[in-house]
């Protein structure tokens, strides 16, 4: 299954990636509207989540050898 998605992701263009990001932002806006307590978290949690989410892409971009 992972191989299938790896082959499919190679067909993506920058437009597909950006549209996926916009869709994810819209889902987050919906979640914030449904659960407003999310916005009352301390900003450190947001920084920590952003850092954890950025680890894999940064590793692949700068350190992974082909």
Protein backbone atom coordinates (compact mmCIF):
# COMPACT_ATOMS: atom_id res chain seq x y z
CA UNK A 1 0.00 0.00 0.00
CA UNK A 2 2.87 2.37 0.80
CA UNK A 3 4.46 1.61 -2.56
CA UNK A 4 1.19 2.41 -4.30
CA UNK A 5 0.97 5.82 -2.64
CA UNK A 6 4.66 6.52 -3.30
CA UNK A 7 4.05 5.93 -7.00
CA UNK A 8 0.92 8.08 -6.98
CA UNK A 9 2.54 10.97 -5.11
CA UNK A 10 5.18 11.28 -7.83
CA UNK A 11 2.38 12.36 -10.18
CA UNK A 12 1.62 15.41 -8.01
CA UNK A 13 2.52 18.86 -9.23
CA UNK A 14 3.06 21.95 -7.10
CA UNK A 15 -0.58 22.89 -7.75
CA UNK A 16 -1.79 19.57 -6.29
CA UNK A 17 0.34 20.03 -3.19
CA UNK A 18 -0.84 23.61 -2.63
CA UNK A 19 -4.49 22.64 -3.14
CA UNK A 20 -4.03 19.89 -0.55
CA UNK A 21 -2.59 22.43 1.86
CA UNK A 22 -5.56 24.75 1.31
CA UNK A 23 -7.95 21.85 1.93
CA UNK A 24 -6.13 21.05 5.18
CA UNK A 25 -6.38 24.69 6.28
CA UNK A 26 -10.12 24.66 5.57
CA UNK A 27 -10.52 21.50 7.66
CA UNK A 28 -8.63 23.21 10.50
CA UNK A 29 -10.91 26.24 10.26
CA UNK A 30 -13.93 23.96 10.52
CA UNK A 31 -12.42 22.24 13.57
CA UNK A 32 -11.74 25.60 15.22
CA UNK A 33 -15.35 26.67 14.58
CA UNK A 34 -16.66 23.39 16.05
CA UNK A 35 -14.21 23.24 18.99
CA UNK A 36 -13.29 26.82 19.97
CA UNK A 37 -11.33 25.60 23.02
CA UNK A 38 -8.52 24.72 20.60
CA UNK A 39 -7.62 28.41 20.36
CA UNK A 40 -7.18 28.74 24.11
CA UNK A 41 -4.12 26.46 24.20
CA UNK A 42 -0.75 27.91 25.10
CA UNK A 43 1.27 28.94 22.01
CA UNK A 44 4.06 26.51 22.99
CA UNK A 45 1.76 23.62 22.01
CA UNK A 46 1.35 25.07 18.52
CA UNK A 47 5.11 25.48 18.13
CA UNK A 48 5.67 21.91 19.33
CA UNK A 49 3.08 20.48 16.93
CA UNK A 50 4.51 22.51 14.01
CA UNK A 51 8.02 21.29 14.84
CA UNK A 52 6.94 17.64 15.03
CA UNK A 53 5.05 17.91 11.73
CA UNK A 54 8.04 19.56 10.04
CA UNK A 55 10.61 16.95 11.11
CA UNK A 56 9.95 14.36 8.40
CA UNK A 57 9.74 16.81 5.45
CA UNK A 58 12.90 18.59 6.60
CA UNK A 59 14.73 15.29 6.98
CA UNK A 60 13.70 14.16 3.49
CA UNK A 61 14.54 17.54 1.96
CA UNK A 62 17.99 18.05 3.46
CA UNK A 63 19.43 14.82 4.84
CA UNK A 64 18.00 11.75 3.08
CA UNK A 65 20.30 10.28 0.44
CA UNK A 66 18.82 8.82 -2.72
